[in-house]
Amino acid sequence: MLKLKPNCECCDKDLPPEAADAMICTYECTFCADCVANRLPGSRCPNCGGEFVRRPVRPAPMLAKHPASTERVRAPHPGGGKAA
């Protein structure tokens, strides 16, 4: 089951479970679509080199049963900075 991490690892933008701009790689590294498109070289995961796909949205009844993670993950990445 996906953890649904609450933020972009690059810019720290909030990415709630329903965020349409949340992107994940095969290891669930989580980034916002803006960082994937504009800050990460080759739009590849800087942690594992994997490709990104849009993170699915968990339906509300299932989110109540299996809540999203609240643990924020932040790592230094090329072009990273605080979200605007």
PDB file of N, CA and C in Angstrom:
ATOM      1  N   MET A   1       0.841  -1.169   0.000  1.00  0.00           N
ATOM      2  CA  MET A   1       0.000   0.000   0.000  1.00  0.00           C
ATOM      3  C   MET A   1       0.892   1.240   0.000  1.00  0.00           C
ATOM      4  N   LEU A   2       0.554   2.217  -0.828  1.00  0.00           N
ATOM      5  CA  LEU A   2       1.330   3.452  -0.904  1.00  0.00           C
ATOM      6  C   LEU A   2       1.260   4.228   0.406  1.00  0.00           C
ATOM      7  N   LYS A   3       2.380   4.853   0.759  1.00  0.00           N
ATOM      8  CA  LYS A   3       2.428   5.649   1.986  1.00  0.00           C
ATOM      9  C   LYS A   3       1.720   6.990   1.836  1.00  0.00           C
ATOM     10  N   LEU A   4       1.670   7.513   0.617  1.00  0.00           N
ATOM     11  CA  LEU A   4       1.105   8.843   0.360  1.00  0.00           C
ATOM     12  C   LEU A   4       1.814   9.894   1.226  1.00  0.00           C
ATOM     13  N   LYS A   5       3.097  10.074   0.965  1.00  0.00           N
ATOM     14  CA  LYS A   5       3.904  11.037   1.727  1.00  0.00           C
ATOM     15  C   LYS A   5       3.338  12.440   1.569  1.00  0.00           C
ATOM     16  N   PRO A   6       3.451  13.270   2.612  1.00  0.00           N
ATOM     17  CA  PRO A   6       2.747  14.553   2.636  1.00  0.00           C
ATOM     18  C   PRO A   6       3.440  15.737   1.975  1.00  0.00           C
ATOM     19  N   ASN A   7       4.642  15.530   1.399  1.00  0.00           N
ATOM     20  CA  ASN A   7       5.358  16.690   0.852  1.00  0.00           C
ATOM     21  C   ASN A   7       6.303  16.307  -0.266  1.00  0.00           C
ATOM     22  N   CYS A   8       6.712  17.331  -1.010  1.00  0.00           N
ATOM     23  CA  CYS A   8       7.721  17.166  -2.060  1.00  0.00           C
ATOM     24  C   CYS A   8       9.090  17.095  -1.392  1.00  0.00           C
ATOM     25  N   GLU A   9       9.881  16.095  -1.752  1.00  0.00           N
ATOM     26  CA  GLU A   9      11.210  15.936  -1.154  1.00  0.00           C
ATOM     27  C   GLU A   9      12.168  17.049  -1.567  1.00  0.00           C
ATOM     28  N   CYS A  10      11.879  17.728  -2.662  1.00  0.00           N
ATOM     29  CA  CYS A  10      12.776  18.765  -3.174  1.00  0.00           C
ATOM     30  C   CYS A  10      12.446  20.142  -2.587  1.00  0.00           C
ATOM     31  N   CYS A  11      11.214  20.603  -2.777  1.00  0.00           N
ATOM     32  CA  CYS A  11      10.861  21.971  -2.363  1.00  0.00           C
ATOM     33  C   CYS A  11      10.023  22.026  -1.091  1.00  0.00           C
ATOM     34  N   ASP A  12       9.617  20.899  -0.568  1.00  0.00           N
ATOM     35  CA  ASP A  12       8.822  20.784   0.657  1.00  0.00           C
ATOM     36  C   ASP A  12       7.376  21.268   0.502  1.00  0.00           C
ATOM     37  N   LYS A  13       6.899  21.369  -0.740  1.00  0.00           N
ATOM     38  CA  LYS A  13       5.499  21.747  -0.971  1.00  0.00           C
ATOM     39  C   LYS A  13       4.595  20.686  -0.358  1.00  0.00           C
ATOM     40  N   ASP A  14       3.502  21.116   0.244  1.00  0.00           N
ATOM     41  CA  ASP A  14       2.516  20.182   0.778  1.00  0.00           C
ATOM     42  C   ASP A  14       1.862  19.414  -0.373  1.00  0.00           C
ATOM     43  N   LEU A  15       1.760  18.102  -0.218  1.00  0.00           N
ATOM     44  CA  LEU A  15       1.097  17.242  -1.196  1.00  0.00           C
ATOM     45  C   LEU A  15       0.103  16.359  -0.456  1.00  0.00           C
ATOM     46  N   PRO A  16      -1.083  16.907  -0.186  1.00  0.00           N
ATOM     47  CA  PRO A  16      -2.091  16.122   0.539  1.00  0.00           C
ATOM     48  C   PRO A  16      -2.512  14.904  -0.283  1.00  0.00           C
ATOM     49  N   PRO A  17      -3.186  13.947   0.339  1.00  0.00           N
ATOM     50  CA  PRO A  17      -3.547  12.706  -0.361  1.00  0.00           C
ATOM     51  C   PRO A  17      -4.286  12.920  -1.680  1.00  0.00           C
ATOM     52  N   GLU A  18      -5.049  14.002  -1.782  1.00  0.00           N
ATOM     53  CA  GLU A  18      -5.827  14.263  -3.001  1.00  0.00           C
ATOM     54  C   GLU A  18      -5.081  15.104  -4.040  1.00  0.00           C
ATOM     55  N   ALA A  19      -3.819  15.416  -3.793  1.00  0.00           N
ATOM     56  CA  ALA A  19      -3.045  16.272  -4.700  1.00  0.00           C
ATOM     57  C   ALA A  19      -2.922  15.649  -6.089  1.00  0.00           C
ATOM     58  N   ALA A  20      -3.317  16.410  -7.094  1.00  0.00           N
ATOM     59  CA  ALA A  20      -3.232  15.935  -8.474  1.00  0.00           C
ATOM     60  C   ALA A  20      -1.829  16.108  -9.043  1.00  0.00           C
ATOM     61  N   ASP A  21      -0.993  16.891  -8.370  1.00  0.00           N
ATOM     62  CA  ASP A  21       0.357  17.148  -8.887  1.00  0.00           C
ATOM     63  C   ASP A  21       1.447  16.369  -8.149  1.00  0.00           C
ATOM     64  N   ALA A  22       1.058  15.359  -7.376  1.00  0.00           N
ATOM     65  CA  ALA A  22       2.044  14.521  -6.678  1.00  0.00           C
ATOM     66  C   ALA A  22       2.570  13.462  -7.644  1.00  0.00           C
ATOM     67  N   MET A  23       3.885  13.323  -7.696  1.00  0.00           N
ATOM     68  CA  MET A  23       4.542  12.351  -8.566  1.00  0.00           C
ATOM     69  C   MET A  23       5.364  11.403  -7.695  1.00  0.00           C
ATOM     70  N   ILE A  24       5.382  10.118  -8.069  1.00  0.00           N
ATOM     71  CA  ILE A  24       6.166   9.133  -7.322  1.00  0.00           C
ATOM     72  C   ILE A  24       6.981   8.274  -8.292  1.00  0.00           C
ATOM     73  N   CYS A  25       8.052   7.696  -7.756  1.00  0.00           N
ATOM     74  CA  CYS A  25       8.832   6.717  -8.515  1.00  0.00           C
ATOM     75  C   CYS A  25       8.512   5.339  -7.951  1.00  0.00           C
ATOM     76  N   THR A  26       9.190   4.335  -8.423  1.00  0.00           N
ATOM     77  CA  THR A  26       8.911   2.967  -7.989  1.00  0.00           C
ATOM     78  C   THR A  26       9.178   2.731  -6.501  1.00  0.00           C
ATOM     79  N   TYR A  27      10.027   3.573  -5.889  1.00  0.00           N
ATOM     80  CA  TYR A  27      10.302   3.447  -4.452  1.00  0.00           C
ATOM     81  C   TYR A  27       9.483   4.425  -3.616  1.00  0.00           C
ATOM     82  N   GLU A  28       8.505   5.060  -4.229  1.00  0.00           N
ATOM     83  CA  GLU A  28       7.626   6.031  -3.581  1.00  0.00           C
ATOM     84  C   GLU A  28       8.321   7.320  -3.170  1.00  0.00           C
ATOM     85  N   CYS A  29       9.477   7.608  -3.768  1.00  0.00           N
ATOM     86  CA  CYS A  29      10.054   8.935  -3.577  1.00  0.00           C
ATOM     87  C   CYS A  29       8.995   9.885  -4.127  1.00  0.00           C
ATOM     88  N   THR A  30       8.740  10.968  -3.433  1.00  0.00           N
ATOM     89  CA  THR A  30       7.601  11.822  -3.761  1.00  0.00           C
ATOM     90  C   THR A  30       8.053  13.245  -4.063  1.00  0.00           C
ATOM     91  N   PHE A  31       7.610  13.750  -5.199  1.00  0.00           N
ATOM     92  CA  PHE A  31       7.964  15.095  -5.648  1.00  0.00           C
ATOM     93  C   PHE A  31       6.737  15.746  -6.272  1.00  0.00           C
ATOM     94  N   CYS A  32       6.716  17.070  -6.306  1.00  0.00           N
ATOM     95  CA  CYS A  32       5.630  17.768  -6.984  1.00  0.00           C
ATOM     96  C   CYS A  32       5.934  17.801  -8.486  1.00  0.00           C
ATOM     97  N   ALA A  33       4.904  17.951  -9.282  1.00  0.00           N
ATOM     98  CA  ALA A  33       5.064  17.951 -10.737  1.00  0.00           C
ATOM     99  C   ALA A  33       5.986  19.075 -11.193  1.00  0.00           C
ATOM    100  N   ASP A  34       5.966  20.226 -10.520  1.00  0.00           N
ATOM    101  CA  ASP A  34       6.828  21.345 -10.902  1.00  0.00           C
ATOM    102  C   ASP A  34       8.303  20.983 -10.729  1.00  0.00           C
ATOM    103  N   CYS A  35       8.663  20.372  -9.621  1.00  0.00           N
ATOM    104  CA  CYS A  35      10.060  19.969  -9.414  1.00  0.00           C
ATOM    105  C   CYS A  35      10.483  18.902 -10.415  1.00  0.00           C
ATOM    106  N   VAL A  36       9.602  17.948 -10.692  1.00  0.00           N
ATOM    107  CA  VAL A  36       9.930  16.904 -11.667  1.00  0.00           C
ATOM    108  C   VAL A  36      10.208  17.534 -13.031  1.00  0.00           C
ATOM    109  N   ALA A  37       9.367  18.477 -13.430  1.00  0.00           N
ATOM    110  CA  ALA A  37       9.498  19.093 -14.758  1.00  0.00           C
ATOM    111  C   ALA A  37      10.621  20.115 -14.850  1.00  0.00           C
ATOM    112  N   ASN A  38      10.882  20.844 -13.769  1.00  0.00           N
ATOM    113  CA  ASN A  38      11.780  21.998 -13.870  1.00  0.00           C
ATOM    114  C   ASN A  38      13.048  21.956 -13.030  1.00  0.00           C
ATOM    115  N   ARG A  39      13.134  21.086 -12.051  1.00  0.00           N
ATOM    116  CA  ARG A  39      14.293  21.111 -11.160  1.00  0.00           C
ATOM    117  C   ARG A  39      15.122  19.834 -11.154  1.00  0.00           C
ATOM    118  N   LEU A  40      14.527  18.731 -11.570  1.00  0.00           N
ATOM    119  CA  LEU A  40      15.238  17.454 -11.500  1.00  0.00           C
ATOM    120  C   LEU A  40      15.790  17.087 -12.871  1.00  0.00           C
ATOM    121  N   PRO A  41      17.087  16.865 -12.968  1.00  0.00           N
ATOM    122  CA  PRO A  41      17.704  16.557 -14.262  1.00  0.00           C
ATOM    123  C   PRO A  41      17.062  15.351 -14.951  1.00  0.00           C
ATOM    124  N   GLY A  42      16.630  15.566 -16.182  1.00  0.00           N
ATOM    125  CA  GLY A  42      16.044  14.486 -16.964  1.00  0.00           C
ATOM    126  C   GLY A  42      14.708  14.000 -16.452  1.00  0.00           C
ATOM    127  N   SER A  43      14.095  14.729 -15.526  1.00  0.00           N
ATOM    128  CA  SER A  43      12.823  14.321 -14.921  1.00  0.00           C
ATOM    129  C   SER A  43      12.889  12.898 -14.378  1.00  0.00           C
ATOM    130  N   ARG A  44      14.043  12.531 -13.854  1.00  0.00           N
ATOM    131  CA  ARG A  44      14.249  11.209 -13.250  1.00  0.00           C
ATOM    132  C   ARG A  44      14.431  11.386 -11.750  1.00  0.00           C
ATOM    133  N   CYS A  45      14.111  10.360 -11.004  1.00  0.00           N
ATOM    134  CA  CYS A  45      14.251  10.417  -9.554  1.00  0.00           C
ATOM    135  C   CYS A  45      15.724  10.574  -9.188  1.00  0.00           C
ATOM    136  N   PRO A  46      16.068  11.599  -8.411  1.00  0.00           N
ATOM    137  CA  PRO A  46      17.461  11.799  -8.025  1.00  0.00           C
ATOM    138  C   PRO A  46      17.943  10.770  -7.000  1.00  0.00           C
ATOM    139  N   ASN A  47      17.029  10.037  -6.404  1.00  0.00           N
ATOM    140  CA  ASN A  47      17.406   9.025  -5.411  1.00  0.00           C
ATOM    141  C   ASN A  47      17.740   7.683  -6.064  1.00  0.00           C
ATOM    142  N   CYS A  48      16.938   7.268  -7.049  1.00  0.00           N
ATOM    143  CA  CYS A  48      17.115   5.929  -7.630  1.00  0.00           C
ATOM    144  C   CYS A  48      17.235   5.923  -9.146  1.00  0.00           C
ATOM    145  N   GLY A  49      16.982   7.066  -9.793  1.00  0.00           N
ATOM    146  CA  GLY A  49      17.070   7.134 -11.250  1.00  0.00           C
ATOM    147  C   GLY A  49      15.821   6.662 -11.967  1.00  0.00           C
ATOM    148  N   GLY A  50      14.806   6.285 -11.198  1.00  0.00           N
ATOM    149  CA  GLY A  50      13.568   5.779 -11.786  1.00  0.00           C
ATOM    150  C   GLY A  50      12.706   6.861 -12.412  1.00  0.00           C
ATOM    151  N   GLU A  51      11.735   6.402 -13.202  1.00  0.00           N
ATOM    152  CA  GLU A  51      10.815   7.341 -13.831  1.00  0.00           C
ATOM    153  C   GLU A  51       9.706   7.718 -12.851  1.00  0.00           C
ATOM    154  N   PHE A  52       9.095   8.855 -13.105  1.00  0.00           N
ATOM    155  CA  PHE A  52       7.991   9.318 -12.277  1.00  0.00           C
ATOM    156  C   PHE A  52       6.661   9.051 -12.953  1.00  0.00           C
ATOM    157  N   VAL A  53       5.657   8.775 -12.138  1.00  0.00           N
ATOM    158  CA  VAL A  53       4.274   8.659 -12.585  1.00  0.00           C
ATOM    159  C   VAL A  53       3.424   9.446 -11.594  1.00  0.00           C
ATOM    160  N   ARG A  54       2.224   9.823 -12.043  1.00  0.00           N
ATOM    161  CA  ARG A  54       1.318  10.539 -11.154  1.00  0.00           C
ATOM    162  C   ARG A  54       0.911   9.610 -10.019  1.00  0.00           C
ATOM    163  N   ARG A  55       0.944  10.142  -8.793  1.00  0.00           N
ATOM    164  CA  ARG A  55       0.538   9.349  -7.634  1.00  0.00           C
ATOM    165  C   ARG A  55      -0.980   9.210  -7.647  1.00  0.00           C
ATOM    166  N   PRO A  56      -1.501   7.992  -7.508  1.00  0.00           N
ATOM    167  CA  PRO A  56      -2.952   7.832  -7.491  1.00  0.00           C
ATOM    168  C   PRO A  56      -3.571   8.439  -6.233  1.00  0.00           C
ATOM    169  N   VAL A  57      -4.826   8.804  -6.354  1.00  0.00           N
ATOM    170  CA  VAL A  57      -5.575   9.350  -5.226  1.00  0.00           C
ATOM    171  C   VAL A  57      -6.349   8.203  -4.586  1.00  0.00           C
ATOM    172  N   ARG A  58      -6.184   8.044  -3.284  1.00  0.00           N
ATOM    173  CA  ARG A  58      -6.894   6.995  -2.550  1.00  0.00           C
ATOM    174  C   ARG A  58      -8.323   7.473  -2.267  1.00  0.00           C
ATOM    175  N   PRO A  59      -9.336   6.686  -2.588  1.00  0.00           N
ATOM    176  CA  PRO A  59     -10.717   7.089  -2.315  1.00  0.00           C
ATOM    177  C   PRO A  59     -10.929   7.382  -0.826  1.00  0.00           C
ATOM    178  N   ALA A  60     -11.779   8.353  -0.531  1.00  0.00           N
ATOM    179  CA  ALA A  60     -12.005   8.803   0.845  1.00  0.00           C
ATOM    180  C   ALA A  60     -12.327   7.670   1.828  1.00  0.00           C
ATOM    181  N   PRO A  61     -13.196   6.724   1.485  1.00  0.00           N
ATOM    182  CA  PRO A  61     -13.464   5.644   2.448  1.00  0.00           C
ATOM    183  C   PRO A  61     -12.208   4.820   2.774  1.00  0.00           C
ATOM    184  N   MET A  62     -11.371   4.609   1.775  1.00  0.00           N
ATOM    185  CA  MET A  62     -10.144   3.838   1.997  1.00  0.00           C
ATOM    186  C   MET A  62      -9.091   4.685   2.719  1.00  0.00           C
ATOM    187  N   LEU A  63      -9.102   6.000   2.479  1.00  0.00           N
ATOM    188  CA  LEU A  63      -8.185   6.900   3.172  1.00  0.00           C
ATOM    189  C   LEU A  63      -8.508   6.936   4.665  1.00  0.00           C
ATOM    190  N   ALA A  64      -9.783   6.863   5.003  1.00  0.00           N
ATOM    191  CA  ALA A  64     -10.182   6.829   6.415  1.00  0.00           C
ATOM    192  C   ALA A  64      -9.694   5.534   7.070  1.00  0.00           C
ATOM    193  N   LYS A  65      -9.740   4.463   6.308  1.00  0.00           N
ATOM    194  CA  LYS A  65      -9.324   3.157   6.830  1.00  0.00           C
ATOM    195  C   LYS A  65      -7.799   3.017   6.846  1.00  0.00           C
ATOM    196  N   HIS A  66      -7.134   3.570   5.832  1.00  0.00           N
ATOM    197  CA  HIS A  66      -5.676   3.492   5.685  1.00  0.00           C
ATOM    198  C   HIS A  66      -5.150   4.902   5.427  1.00  0.00           C
ATOM    199  N   PRO A  67      -4.926   5.703   6.485  1.00  0.00           N
ATOM    200  CA  PRO A  67      -4.539   7.105   6.322  1.00  0.00           C
ATOM    201  C   PRO A  67      -3.164   7.289   5.676  1.00  0.00           C
ATOM    202  N   ALA A  68      -2.992   8.462   5.100  1.00  0.00           N
ATOM    203  CA  ALA A  68      -1.723   8.842   4.493  1.00  0.00           C
ATOM    204  C   ALA A  68      -0.668   9.048   5.578  1.00  0.00           C
ATOM    205  N   SER A  69       0.580   8.969   5.186  1.00  0.00           N
ATOM    206  CA  SER A  69       1.688   9.218   6.104  1.00  0.00           C
ATOM    207  C   SER A  69       1.717  10.689   6.511  1.00  0.00           C
ATOM    208  N   THR A  70       2.184  10.949   7.701  1.00  0.00           N
ATOM    209  CA  THR A  70       2.380  12.332   8.159  1.00  0.00           C
ATOM    210  C   THR A  70       3.867  12.650   8.281  1.00  0.00           C
ATOM    211  N   GLU A  71       4.712  11.673   7.990  1.00  0.00           N
ATOM    212  CA  GLU A  71       6.167  11.860   8.096  1.00  0.00           C
ATOM    213  C   GLU A  71       6.695  12.586   6.865  1.00  0.00           C
ATOM    214  N   ARG A  72       7.195  13.796   7.089  1.00  0.00           N
ATOM    215  CA  ARG A  72       7.743  14.595   5.991  1.00  0.00           C
ATOM    216  C   ARG A  72       9.148  14.103   5.668  1.00  0.00           C
ATOM    217  N   VAL A  73       9.442  14.018   4.378  1.00  0.00           N
ATOM    218  CA  VAL A  73      10.751  13.593   3.897  1.00  0.00           C
ATOM    219  C   VAL A  73      11.341  14.758   3.121  1.00  0.00           C
ATOM    220  N   ARG A  74      12.586  15.090   3.436  1.00  0.00           N
ATOM    221  CA  ARG A  74      13.247  16.194   2.744  1.00  0.00           C
ATOM    222  C   ARG A  74      14.673  15.800   2.527  1.00  0.00           C
ATOM    223  N   ALA A  75      15.184  15.978   1.328  1.00  0.00           N
ATOM    224  CA  ALA A  75      16.556  15.662   1.000  1.00  0.00           C
ATOM    225  C   ALA A  75      17.088  16.713   0.049  1.00  0.00           C
ATOM    226  N   PRO A  76      18.383  17.003   0.113  1.00  0.00           N
ATOM    227  CA  PRO A  76      18.936  17.994  -0.823  1.00  0.00           C
ATOM    228  C   PRO A  76      18.938  17.436  -2.238  1.00  0.00           C
ATOM    229  N   HIS A  77      18.361  18.184  -3.166  1.00  0.00           N
ATOM    230  CA  HIS A  77      18.318  17.797  -4.564  1.00  0.00           C
ATOM    231  C   HIS A  77      18.697  18.979  -5.416  1.00  0.00           C
ATOM    232  N   PRO A  78      19.170  18.754  -6.637  1.00  0.00           N
ATOM    233  CA  PRO A  78      19.542  19.847  -7.524  1.00  0.00           C
ATOM    234  C   PRO A  78      18.383  20.812  -7.722  1.00  0.00           C
ATOM    235  N   GLY A  79      18.641  22.077  -7.549  1.00  0.00           N
ATOM    236  CA  GLY A  79      17.617  23.087  -7.753  1.00  0.00           C
ATOM    237  C   GLY A  79      16.586  23.152  -6.659  1.00  0.00           C
ATOM    238  N   GLY A  80      16.782  22.395  -5.598  1.00  0.00           N
ATOM    239  CA  GLY A  80      15.810  22.385  -4.507  1.00  0.00           C
ATOM    240  C   GLY A  80      15.770  23.717  -3.785  1.00  0.00           C
ATOM    241  N   GLY A  81      14.668  23.989  -3.196  1.00  0.00           N
ATOM    242  CA  GLY A  81      14.497  25.217  -2.441  1.00  0.00           C
ATOM    243  C   GLY A  81      13.114  25.208  -1.829  1.00  0.00           C
ATOM    244  N   LYS A  82      12.818  26.177  -1.045  1.00  0.00           N
ATOM    245  CA  LYS A  82      11.516  26.260  -0.386  1.00  0.00           C
ATOM    246  C   LYS A  82      10.449  26.589  -1.417  1.00  0.00           C
ATOM    247  N   ALA A  83       9.309  25.958  -1.293  1.00  0.00           N
ATOM    248  CA  ALA A  83       8.184  26.208  -2.205  1.00  0.00           C
ATOM    249  C   ALA A  83       7.756  27.664  -2.107  1.00  0.00           C
ATOM    250  N   ALA A  84       7.297  28.189  -3.214  1.00  0.00           N
ATOM    251  CA  ALA A  84       6.836  29.589  -3.255  1.00  0.00           C
ATOM    252  C   ALA A  84       5.485  29.724  -2.605  1.00  0.00           C
TER     253      ALA A  84
END
